[in-house]
């Protein structure tokens, strides 16, 4: 299989959805001009991260798939011959909403849809109020350039999700993300929180012998004396967990990285974790707890 080039779009999202979409389109086209073949946008890029509070009026931000945002991005994908991974607040039906990653192939068609499986409920991350857990399972989608496995943000912490997606033959795991620091905790816990986030995803790369990409937003959102400082830090790790590229914490950036599937082949030959898995002994993983 030929190498493919990932383009990660790390941006801030303001209060105007149309302006955010215009920015995402501009950055996606720029990434394509810089050689990216698969462009990934951050989680819920169209708006500020609205899950910091529970407000029934915010359900009006949701839209269907296909819908206006996917149609706009599909045109970009077709014109620029790029695959686009876009995170959408999906309105499936009245009262039924998902946090959804859409994969648009390089001809503008929808290659696949993944609905976020793990939904958090923490201070300033009140996602259970808005999102129904995904019901499509873990997914990997064949595109023009590579087979793309999509997972979303909170899914990042679960090795089971990475494994089940990788086992479908994904060439890369892509995580659209919205994660940051609570400003009051940043001085004491900020470094360790960020290190844990990066380490767990690099471990998915190692355990599965696969490329992993995480694309996060940047900037402060919410009250000046509270809210969230999104930490950026978008990165790509190779199948041995080595960081190939990493964005800053505080700037909008486009990161373009070449990924060579031959590195997956070589890594898995030397670290044959998939060969040595004891699939006859893992039934306990389907239990909530083992006494």
C-alpha atoms as a PDB file:
ATOM      1  CA  UNK A   1       0.000   0.000   0.000  1.00  0.00           C
ATOM      2  CA  UNK A   2       1.219   3.507  -0.791  1.00  0.00           C
ATOM      3  CA  UNK A   3       2.099   6.072   1.883  1.00  0.00           C
ATOM      4  CA  UNK A   4      -0.623   8.572   2.728  1.00  0.00           C
ATOM      5  CA  UNK A   5      -0.404  12.072   4.165  1.00  0.00           C
ATOM      6  CA  UNK A   6      -2.484  13.226   7.128  1.00  0.00           C
ATOM      7  CA  UNK A   7      -3.424  16.863   7.647  1.00  0.00           C
ATOM      8  CA  UNK A   8      -4.550  17.846  11.149  1.00  0.00           C
ATOM      9  CA  UNK A   9      -6.442  21.139  11.410  1.00  0.00           C
ATOM     10  CA  UNK A  10      -6.039  22.602  14.910  1.00  0.00           C
ATOM     11  CA  UNK A  11      -8.152  25.719  15.280  1.00  0.00           C
ATOM     12  CA  UNK A  12     -10.155  27.798  17.714  1.00  0.00           C
ATOM     13  CA  UNK A  13     -13.932  27.988  17.358  1.00  0.00           C
ATOM     14  CA  UNK A  14     -15.788  31.257  17.910  1.00  0.00           C
ATOM     15  CA  UNK A  15     -19.501  31.941  18.472  1.00  0.00           C
ATOM     16  CA  UNK A  16     -20.367  32.262  14.757  1.00  0.00           C
ATOM     17  CA  UNK A  17     -20.878  28.834  13.175  1.00  0.00           C
ATOM     18  CA  UNK A  18     -20.708  30.166   9.606  1.00  0.00           C
ATOM     19  CA  UNK A  19     -17.325  31.764  10.302  1.00  0.00           C
ATOM     20  CA  UNK A  20     -16.057  28.544  11.905  1.00  0.00           C
ATOM     21  CA  UNK A  21     -17.139  26.564   8.856  1.00  0.00           C
ATOM     22  CA  UNK A  22     -15.452  29.069   6.539  1.00  0.00           C
ATOM     23  CA  UNK A  23     -12.261  28.748   8.577  1.00  0.00           C
ATOM     24  CA  UNK A  24     -12.413  24.952   8.485  1.00  0.00           C
ATOM     25  CA  UNK A  25     -12.904  25.051   4.713  1.00  0.00           C
ATOM     26  CA  UNK A  26      -9.969  27.438   4.264  1.00  0.00           C
ATOM     27  CA  UNK A  27      -7.695  25.352   6.476  1.00  0.00           C
ATOM     28  CA  UNK A  28      -8.766  22.116   4.763  1.00  0.00           C
ATOM     29  CA  UNK A  29      -7.960  23.545   1.345  1.00  0.00           C
ATOM     30  CA  UNK A  30      -4.631  24.835   2.667  1.00  0.00           C
ATOM     31  CA  UNK A  31      -3.815  21.392   4.094  1.00  0.00           C
ATOM     32  CA  UNK A  32      -4.595  19.854   0.699  1.00  0.00           C
ATOM     33  CA  UNK A  33      -2.307  22.368  -1.042  1.00  0.00           C
ATOM     34  CA  UNK A  34       0.423  21.355   1.388  1.00  0.00           C
ATOM     35  CA  UNK A  35       0.039  17.737   0.325  1.00  0.00           C
ATOM     36  CA  UNK A  36      -2.458  16.331   2.814  1.00  0.00           C
ATOM     37  CA  UNK A  37      -4.634  13.538   1.447  1.00  0.00           C
ATOM     38  CA  UNK A  38      -6.679  12.916   4.613  1.00  0.00           C
ATOM     39  CA  UNK A  39      -7.733  16.030   6.528  1.00  0.00           C
ATOM     40  CA  UNK A  40      -9.096  15.777  10.058  1.00  0.00           C
ATOM     41  CA  UNK A  41     -11.018  18.508  11.876  1.00  0.00           C
ATOM     42  CA  UNK A  42     -11.354  18.759  15.634  1.00  0.00           C
ATOM     43  CA  UNK A  43     -14.347  17.552  17.624  1.00  0.00           C
ATOM     44  CA  UNK A  44     -17.478  19.721  17.182  1.00  0.00           C
ATOM     45  CA  UNK A  45     -15.453  22.280  15.221  1.00  0.00           C
ATOM     46  CA  UNK A  46     -18.531  24.178  14.047  1.00  0.00           C
ATOM     47  CA  UNK A  47     -19.213  25.828  17.430  1.00  0.00           C
ATOM     48  CA  UNK A  48     -17.582  26.544  20.740  1.00  0.00           C
ATOM     49  CA  UNK A  49     -17.596  23.483  22.987  1.00  0.00           C
ATOM     50  CA  UNK A  50     -21.170  23.946  24.188  1.00  0.00           C
ATOM     51  CA  UNK A  51     -21.179  21.003  26.630  1.00  0.00           C
ATOM     52  CA  UNK A  52     -19.778  23.238  29.377  1.00  0.00           C
ATOM     53  CA  UNK A  53     -23.397  23.798  30.419  1.00  0.00           C
ATOM     54  CA  UNK A  54     -26.787  22.126  30.127  1.00  0.00           C
ATOM     55  CA  UNK A  55     -29.136  24.233  28.023  1.00  0.00           C
ATOM     56  CA  UNK A  56     -32.048  22.777  26.022  1.00  0.00           C
ATOM     57  CA  UNK A  57     -31.790  25.590  23.468  1.00  0.00           C
ATOM     58  CA  UNK A  58     -28.377  24.305  22.399  1.00  0.00           C
ATOM     59  CA  UNK A  59     -29.984  21.279  20.790  1.00  0.00           C
ATOM     60  CA  UNK A  60     -30.829  23.709  17.986  1.00  0.00           C
ATOM     61  CA  UNK A  61     -27.157  23.554  16.992  1.00  0.00           C
ATOM     62  CA  UNK A  62     -27.580  19.976  15.763  1.00  0.00           C
ATOM     63  CA  UNK A  63     -28.132  19.057  12.121  1.00  0.00           C
ATOM     64  CA  UNK A  64     -28.841  15.933  10.082  1.00  0.00           C
ATOM     65  CA  UNK A  65     -26.312  13.848   8.185  1.00  0.00           C
ATOM     66  CA  UNK A  66     -26.243  14.424   5.254  1.00  0.00           C
ATOM     67  CA  UNK A  67     -26.849  18.080   6.003  1.00  0.00           C
ATOM     68  CA  UNK A  68     -25.564  21.565   5.257  1.00  0.00           C
ATOM     69  CA  UNK A  69     -22.162  21.104   6.891  1.00  0.00           C
ATOM     70  CA  UNK A  70     -21.411  17.733   5.313  1.00  0.00           C
ATOM     71  CA  UNK A  71     -22.561  19.055   1.933  1.00  0.00           C
ATOM     72  CA  UNK A  72     -20.201  22.034   2.176  1.00  0.00           C
ATOM     73  CA  UNK A  73     -17.284  19.848   3.216  1.00  0.00           C
ATOM     74  CA  UNK A  74     -18.114  17.233   0.588  1.00  0.00           C
ATOM     75  CA  UNK A  75     -17.638  19.897  -2.077  1.00  0.00           C
ATOM     76  CA  UNK A  76     -14.220  20.706  -0.628  1.00  0.00           C
ATOM     77  CA  UNK A  77     -13.287  17.022  -0.511  1.00  0.00           C
ATOM     78  CA  UNK A  78     -14.252  16.588  -4.158  1.00  0.00           C
ATOM     79  CA  UNK A  79     -12.633  19.802  -5.406  1.00  0.00           C
ATOM     80  CA  UNK A  80      -9.373  19.169  -3.530  1.00  0.00           C
ATOM     81  CA  UNK A  81      -9.394  15.358  -3.909  1.00  0.00           C
ATOM     82  CA  UNK A  82      -8.976  14.881  -0.156  1.00  0.00           C
ATOM     83  CA  UNK A  83     -10.656  12.723   2.446  1.00  0.00           C
ATOM     84  CA  UNK A  84     -12.163  14.815   5.265  1.00  0.00           C
ATOM     85  CA  UNK A  85     -12.969  13.550   8.761  1.00  0.00           C
ATOM     86  CA  UNK A  86     -15.470  15.938  10.340  1.00  0.00           C
ATOM     87  CA  UNK A  87     -17.079  15.859  13.788  1.00  0.00           C
ATOM     88  CA  UNK A  88     -20.763  16.875  13.708  1.00  0.00           C
ATOM     89  CA  UNK A  89     -23.475  17.392  16.333  1.00  0.00           C
ATOM     90  CA  UNK A  90     -25.940  15.044  14.651  1.00  0.00           C
ATOM     91  CA  UNK A  91     -29.709  15.407  14.876  1.00  0.00           C
ATOM     92  CA  UNK A  92     -30.906  11.895  14.114  1.00  0.00           C
ATOM     93  CA  UNK A  93     -34.524  12.567  15.099  1.00  0.00           C
ATOM     94  CA  UNK A  94     -36.493  14.661  17.556  1.00  0.00           C
ATOM     95  CA  UNK A  95     -34.900  14.069  20.954  1.00  0.00           C
ATOM     96  CA  UNK A  96     -32.169  11.825  19.541  1.00  0.00           C
ATOM     97  CA  UNK A  97     -28.737  13.357  19.055  1.00  0.00           C
ATOM     98  CA  UNK A  98     -25.221  12.013  18.601  1.00  0.00           C
ATOM     99  CA  UNK A  99     -21.628  13.216  18.598  1.00  0.00           C
ATOM    100  CA  UNK A 100     -20.707  11.885  15.170  1.00  0.00           C
ATOM    101  CA  UNK A 101     -17.602  11.616  13.010  1.00  0.00           C
ATOM    102  CA  UNK A 102     -18.298  11.616   9.269  1.00  0.00           C
ATOM    103  CA  UNK A 103     -15.707  10.394   6.785  1.00  0.00           C
ATOM    104  CA  UNK A 104     -16.057  12.091   3.392  1.00  0.00           C
ATOM    105  CA  UNK A 105     -14.164  10.348   0.618  1.00  0.00           C
ATOM    106  CA  UNK A 106     -12.089  12.182  -1.961  1.00  0.00           C
ATOM    107  CA  UNK A 107     -14.987  12.148  -4.430  1.00  0.00           C
ATOM    108  CA  UNK A 108     -17.283  13.892  -1.945  1.00  0.00           C
ATOM    109  CA  UNK A 109     -19.288  10.813  -1.030  1.00  0.00           C
ATOM    110  CA  UNK A 110     -19.859   9.706   2.555  1.00  0.00           C
ATOM    111  CA  UNK A 111     -17.517   6.774   3.163  1.00  0.00           C
ATOM    112  CA  UNK A 112     -18.836   6.157   6.643  1.00  0.00           C
ATOM    113  CA  UNK A 113     -20.345   7.461   9.862  1.00  0.00           C
ATOM    114  CA  UNK A 114     -19.175   6.756  13.409  1.00  0.00           C
ATOM    115  CA  UNK A 115     -21.174   7.771  16.475  1.00  0.00           C
ATOM    116  CA  UNK A 116     -19.144   8.398  19.622  1.00  0.00           C
ATOM    117  CA  UNK A 117     -19.456   5.372  21.878  1.00  0.00           C
ATOM    118  CA  UNK A 118     -18.104   6.599  25.215  1.00  0.00           C
ATOM    119  CA  UNK A 119     -19.914   9.680  26.539  1.00  0.00           C
ATOM    120  CA  UNK A 120     -18.427  11.579  29.504  1.00  0.00           C
ATOM    121  CA  UNK A 121     -20.215  13.465  32.238  1.00  0.00           C
ATOM    122  CA  UNK A 122     -17.771  15.609  34.173  1.00  0.00           C
ATOM    123  CA  UNK A 123     -17.581  19.248  35.283  1.00  0.00           C
ATOM    124  CA  UNK A 124     -17.734  21.388  32.096  1.00  0.00           C
ATOM    125  CA  UNK A 125     -18.022  18.211  29.985  1.00  0.00           C
ATOM    126  CA  UNK A 126     -21.746  17.515  30.325  1.00  0.00           C
ATOM    127  CA  UNK A 127     -22.010  15.393  27.222  1.00  0.00           C
ATOM    128  CA  UNK A 128     -24.501  12.858  28.550  1.00  0.00           C
ATOM    129  CA  UNK A 129     -27.093  15.638  28.526  1.00  0.00           C
ATOM    130  CA  UNK A 130     -26.697  16.105  24.767  1.00  0.00           C
ATOM    131  CA  UNK A 131     -25.460  12.874  23.209  1.00  0.00           C
ATOM    132  CA  UNK A 132     -26.920   9.396  22.926  1.00  0.00           C
ATOM    133  CA  UNK A 133     -24.173   6.748  22.996  1.00  0.00           C
ATOM    134  CA  UNK A 134     -23.276   5.441  19.559  1.00  0.00           C
ATOM    135  CA  UNK A 135     -25.077   2.366  18.239  1.00  0.00           C
ATOM    136  CA  UNK A 136     -22.986   1.631  15.139  1.00  0.00           C
ATOM    137  CA  UNK A 137     -20.103  -0.028  16.928  1.00  0.00           C
ATOM    138  CA  UNK A 138     -16.452   0.657  16.228  1.00  0.00           C
ATOM    139  CA  UNK A 139     -15.780   1.415  12.582  1.00  0.00           C
ATOM    140  CA  UNK A 140     -13.025   1.610   9.990  1.00  0.00           C
ATOM    141  CA  UNK A 141     -13.779   2.931   6.512  1.00  0.00           C
ATOM    142  CA  UNK A 142     -12.057   2.327   3.212  1.00  0.00           C
ATOM    143  CA  UNK A 143     -11.195   5.600   1.480  1.00  0.00           C
ATOM    144  CA  UNK A 144      -9.205   6.485  -1.618  1.00  0.00           C
ATOM    145  CA  UNK A 145      -5.946   6.777   0.300  1.00  0.00           C
ATOM    146  CA  UNK A 146      -6.213   4.559   3.386  1.00  0.00           C
ATOM    147  CA  UNK A 147      -8.577   2.675   5.642  1.00  0.00           C
ATOM    148  CA  UNK A 148      -9.526   5.178   8.335  1.00  0.00           C
ATOM    149  CA  UNK A 149     -10.604   4.197  11.834  1.00  0.00           C
ATOM    150  CA  UNK A 150     -12.597   6.923  13.574  1.00  0.00           C
ATOM    151  CA  UNK A 151     -12.968   7.397  17.315  1.00  0.00           C
ATOM    152  CA  UNK A 152     -13.894  10.590  19.179  1.00  0.00           C
ATOM    153  CA  UNK A 153     -12.303  12.274  22.213  1.00  0.00           C
ATOM    154  CA  UNK A 154     -13.432  10.335  25.336  1.00  0.00           C
ATOM    155  CA  UNK A 155     -12.975   7.153  23.284  1.00  0.00           C
ATOM    156  CA  UNK A 156      -9.254   7.976  23.523  1.00  0.00           C
ATOM    157  CA  UNK A 157      -8.987   6.503  26.997  1.00  0.00           C
ATOM    158  CA  UNK A 158     -10.286   3.039  26.117  1.00  0.00           C
ATOM    159  CA  UNK A 159      -7.851   0.410  24.793  1.00  0.00           C
ATOM    160  CA  UNK A 160     -10.799  -1.787  23.833  1.00  0.00           C
ATOM    161  CA  UNK A 161     -12.038   0.843  21.367  1.00  0.00           C
ATOM    162  CA  UNK A 162      -8.625   1.210  19.741  1.00  0.00           C
ATOM    163  CA  UNK A 163      -8.163  -2.557  19.520  1.00  0.00           C
ATOM    164  CA  UNK A 164     -11.561  -3.292  17.983  1.00  0.00           C
ATOM    165  CA  UNK A 165     -11.086  -0.543  15.413  1.00  0.00           C
ATOM    166  CA  UNK A 166      -7.563  -1.643  14.558  1.00  0.00           C
ATOM    167  CA  UNK A 167      -8.724  -5.244  14.138  1.00  0.00           C
ATOM    168  CA  UNK A 168     -10.917  -4.091  11.251  1.00  0.00           C
ATOM    169  CA  UNK A 169      -7.790  -3.363   9.244  1.00  0.00           C
ATOM    170  CA  UNK A 170      -7.558   0.369   9.892  1.00  0.00           C
ATOM    171  CA  UNK A 171      -4.353   1.992   8.667  1.00  0.00           C
ATOM    172  CA  UNK A 172      -4.744   4.883  11.107  1.00  0.00           C
ATOM    173  CA  UNK A 173      -6.836   5.711  14.163  1.00  0.00           C
ATOM    174  CA  UNK A 174      -8.061   9.311  14.048  1.00  0.00           C
ATOM    175  CA  UNK A 175      -9.429  11.007  17.165  1.00  0.00           C
ATOM    176  CA  UNK A 176     -11.233  14.354  16.729  1.00  0.00           C
ATOM    177  CA  UNK A 177     -10.904  15.919  20.179  1.00  0.00           C
ATOM    178  CA  UNK A 178     -12.021  18.735  22.485  1.00  0.00           C
ATOM    179  CA  UNK A 179      -9.997  18.543  25.678  1.00  0.00           C
ATOM    180  CA  UNK A 180      -8.389  21.119  27.887  1.00  0.00           C
ATOM    181  CA  UNK A 181      -7.514  22.333  31.332  1.00  0.00           C
ATOM    182  CA  UNK A 182      -9.759  23.761  34.015  1.00  0.00           C
ATOM    183  CA  UNK A 183      -7.822  27.007  34.595  1.00  0.00           C
ATOM    184  CA  UNK A 184      -7.931  26.641  38.392  1.00  0.00           C
ATOM    185  CA  UNK A 185      -6.290  23.212  38.127  1.00  0.00           C
ATOM    186  CA  UNK A 186      -3.806  23.945  35.382  1.00  0.00           C
ATOM    187  CA  UNK A 187      -0.850  24.970  37.544  1.00  0.00           C
ATOM    188  CA  UNK A 188      -1.041  21.889  39.751  1.00  0.00           C
ATOM    189  CA  UNK A 189      -2.310  19.183  37.421  1.00  0.00           C
ATOM    190  CA  UNK A 190      -1.907  20.554  33.894  1.00  0.00           C
ATOM    191  CA  UNK A 191       1.349  18.853  32.940  1.00  0.00           C
ATOM    192  CA  UNK A 192       0.314  15.452  34.272  1.00  0.00           C
ATOM    193  CA  UNK A 193      -3.144  15.639  32.657  1.00  0.00           C
ATOM    194  CA  UNK A 194      -1.721  16.439  29.254  1.00  0.00           C
ATOM    195  CA  UNK A 195       0.975  13.784  29.592  1.00  0.00           C
ATOM    196  CA  UNK A 196      -1.625  11.142  30.449  1.00  0.00           C
ATOM    197  CA  UNK A 197      -3.745  12.087  27.420  1.00  0.00           C
ATOM    198  CA  UNK A 198      -0.798  11.865  25.059  1.00  0.00           C
ATOM    199  CA  UNK A 199       0.615   8.711  26.645  1.00  0.00           C
ATOM    200  CA  UNK A 200      -2.587   6.684  26.453  1.00  0.00           C
ATOM    201  CA  UNK A 201      -2.936   7.385  22.751  1.00  0.00           C
ATOM    202  CA  UNK A 202       0.685   6.612  22.011  1.00  0.00           C
ATOM    203  CA  UNK A 203       0.095   3.343  23.847  1.00  0.00           C
ATOM    204  CA  UNK A 204      -2.729   2.542  21.419  1.00  0.00           C
ATOM    205  CA  UNK A 205      -0.270   3.020  18.575  1.00  0.00           C
ATOM    206  CA  UNK A 206       2.208   0.645  20.224  1.00  0.00           C
ATOM    207  CA  UNK A 207      -0.295  -2.013  21.300  1.00  0.00           C
ATOM    208  CA  UNK A 208      -1.858  -2.183  17.846  1.00  0.00           C
ATOM    209  CA  UNK A 209       1.128  -1.366  15.643  1.00  0.00           C
ATOM    210  CA  UNK A 210      -0.807   1.430  13.979  1.00  0.00           C
ATOM    211  CA  UNK A 211      -0.612   5.156  13.231  1.00  0.00           C
ATOM    212  CA  UNK A 212      -2.607   7.297  15.664  1.00  0.00           C
ATOM    213  CA  UNK A 213      -3.645  10.921  15.103  1.00  0.00           C
ATOM    214  CA  UNK A 214      -5.348  13.217  17.603  1.00  0.00           C
ATOM    215  CA  UNK A 215      -6.584  16.659  16.526  1.00  0.00           C
ATOM    216  CA  UNK A 216      -7.605  19.047  19.295  1.00  0.00           C
ATOM    217  CA  UNK A 217      -8.924  22.592  19.458  1.00  0.00           C
ATOM    218  CA  UNK A 218      -7.059  25.487  21.019  1.00  0.00           C
ATOM    219  CA  UNK A 219      -7.982  28.698  22.849  1.00  0.00           C
ATOM    220  CA  UNK A 220      -9.984  29.622  25.939  1.00  0.00           C
ATOM    221  CA  UNK A 221     -13.747  29.123  25.909  1.00  0.00           C
ATOM    222  CA  UNK A 222     -16.147  30.165  28.634  1.00  0.00           C
ATOM    223  CA  UNK A 223     -15.960  32.781  31.380  1.00  0.00           C
ATOM    224  CA  UNK A 224     -12.649  34.570  31.747  1.00  0.00           C
ATOM    225  CA  UNK A 225     -12.303  33.347  35.342  1.00  0.00           C
ATOM    226  CA  UNK A 226     -13.404  29.795  34.527  1.00  0.00           C
ATOM    227  CA  UNK A 227     -14.279  27.847  31.410  1.00  0.00           C
ATOM    228  CA  UNK A 228     -11.716  25.661  29.669  1.00  0.00           C
ATOM    229  CA  UNK A 229      -8.251  26.258  28.229  1.00  0.00           C
ATOM    230  CA  UNK A 230      -8.144  23.843  25.301  1.00  0.00           C
ATOM    231  CA  UNK A 231      -4.603  22.565  25.124  1.00  0.00           C
ATOM    232  CA  UNK A 232      -4.110  21.954  21.418  1.00  0.00           C
ATOM    233  CA  UNK A 233      -1.131  19.648  21.134  1.00  0.00           C
ATOM    234  CA  UNK A 234      -2.513  17.793  18.102  1.00  0.00           C
ATOM    235  CA  UNK A 235      -0.127  15.022  17.097  1.00  0.00           C
ATOM    236  CA  UNK A 236       0.599  11.968  14.989  1.00  0.00           C
ATOM    237  CA  UNK A 237       2.316   8.896  16.432  1.00  0.00           C
ATOM    238  CA  UNK A 238       3.776   6.074  14.381  1.00  0.00           C
ATOM    239  CA  UNK A 239       3.172   2.338  15.056  1.00  0.00           C
ATOM    240  CA  UNK A 240       5.984   2.265  17.617  1.00  0.00           C
ATOM    241  CA  UNK A 241       4.484   5.225  19.495  1.00  0.00           C
ATOM    242  CA  UNK A 242       7.076   7.726  18.312  1.00  0.00           C
ATOM    243  CA  UNK A 243       5.746  11.249  17.798  1.00  0.00           C
ATOM    244  CA  UNK A 244       6.121  12.212  14.142  1.00  0.00           C
ATOM    245  CA  UNK A 245       4.734  15.732  14.600  1.00  0.00           C
ATOM    246  CA  UNK A 246       3.061  17.778  17.293  1.00  0.00           C
ATOM    247  CA  UNK A 247       1.298  21.132  17.252  1.00  0.00           C
ATOM    248  CA  UNK A 248       1.654  23.887  19.817  1.00  0.00           C
ATOM    249  CA  UNK A 249      -0.672  24.343  22.774  1.00  0.00           C
ATOM    250  CA  UNK A 250      -1.851  27.850  21.985  1.00  0.00           C
ATOM    251  CA  UNK A 251      -1.906  28.468  18.211  1.00  0.00           C
ATOM    252  CA  UNK A 252      -4.032  27.529  15.247  1.00  0.00           C
ATOM    253  CA  UNK A 253      -1.956  25.235  13.070  1.00  0.00           C
ATOM    254  CA  UNK A 254      -2.045  22.733  10.251  1.00  0.00           C
ATOM    255  CA  UNK A 255       0.129  19.664  10.755  1.00  0.00           C
ATOM    256  CA  UNK A 256       0.886  17.519   7.692  1.00  0.00           C
ATOM    257  CA  UNK A 257       2.567  14.143   8.200  1.00  0.00           C
ATOM    258  CA  UNK A 258       3.366  11.280   5.846  1.00  0.00           C
ATOM    259  CA  UNK A 259       2.413   7.822   7.088  1.00  0.00           C
ATOM    260  CA  UNK A 260       3.955   4.775   5.430  1.00  0.00           C
ATOM    261  CA  UNK A 261       2.011   1.500   5.953  1.00  0.00           C
ATOM    262  CA  UNK A 262       5.304  -0.370   5.558  1.00  0.00           C
ATOM    263  CA  UNK A 263       6.118   0.911   9.041  1.00  0.00           C
ATOM    264  CA  UNK A 264       3.053  -0.914  10.344  1.00  0.00           C
ATOM    265  CA  UNK A 265       4.197  -4.100   8.614  1.00  0.00           C
ATOM    266  CA  UNK A 266       7.698  -3.825  10.033  1.00  0.00           C
ATOM    267  CA  UNK A 267       6.525  -2.975  13.558  1.00  0.00           C
ATOM    268  CA  UNK A 268       4.047  -5.832  13.732  1.00  0.00           C
ATOM    269  CA  UNK A 269       6.649  -8.311  12.518  1.00  0.00           C
ATOM    270  CA  UNK A 270       9.006  -7.308  15.319  1.00  0.00           C
ATOM    271  CA  UNK A 271       6.353  -6.721  17.995  1.00  0.00           C
ATOM    272  CA  UNK A 272       3.808  -9.451  17.113  1.00  0.00           C
ATOM    273  CA  UNK A 273       1.218  -8.498  19.702  1.00  0.00           C
ATOM    274  CA  UNK A 274      -1.641  -9.418  17.371  1.00  0.00           C
ATOM    275  CA  UNK A 275      -0.127 -12.856  16.800  1.00  0.00           C
ATOM    276  CA  UNK A 276       0.236 -13.552  20.513  1.00  0.00           C
ATOM    277  CA  UNK A 277      -3.177 -12.391  21.663  1.00  0.00           C
ATOM    278  CA  UNK A 278      -5.010 -15.036  23.708  1.00  0.00           C
ATOM    279  CA  UNK A 279      -8.440 -14.577  22.180  1.00  0.00           C
ATOM    280  CA  UNK A 280      -9.621 -17.707  24.015  1.00  0.00           C
ATOM    281  CA  UNK A 281      -9.013 -16.066  27.393  1.00  0.00           C
ATOM    282  CA  UNK A 282     -10.552 -12.584  27.148  1.00  0.00           C
ATOM    283  CA  UNK A 283     -14.220 -13.287  27.870  1.00  0.00           C
ATOM    284  CA  UNK A 284     -13.907 -11.322  31.108  1.00  0.00           C
ATOM    285  CA  UNK A 285     -13.639  -8.095  29.116  1.00  0.00           C
ATOM    286  CA  UNK A 286     -17.390  -8.229  28.487  1.00  0.00           C
ATOM    287  CA  UNK A 287     -18.043  -8.015  32.248  1.00  0.00           C
ATOM    288  CA  UNK A 288     -18.409  -4.761  34.188  1.00  0.00           C
ATOM    289  CA  UNK A 289     -16.246  -6.086  37.028  1.00  0.00           C
ATOM    290  CA  UNK A 290     -14.622  -9.387  37.999  1.00  0.00           C
ATOM    291  CA  UNK A 291     -14.971 -10.404  41.638  1.00  0.00           C
END
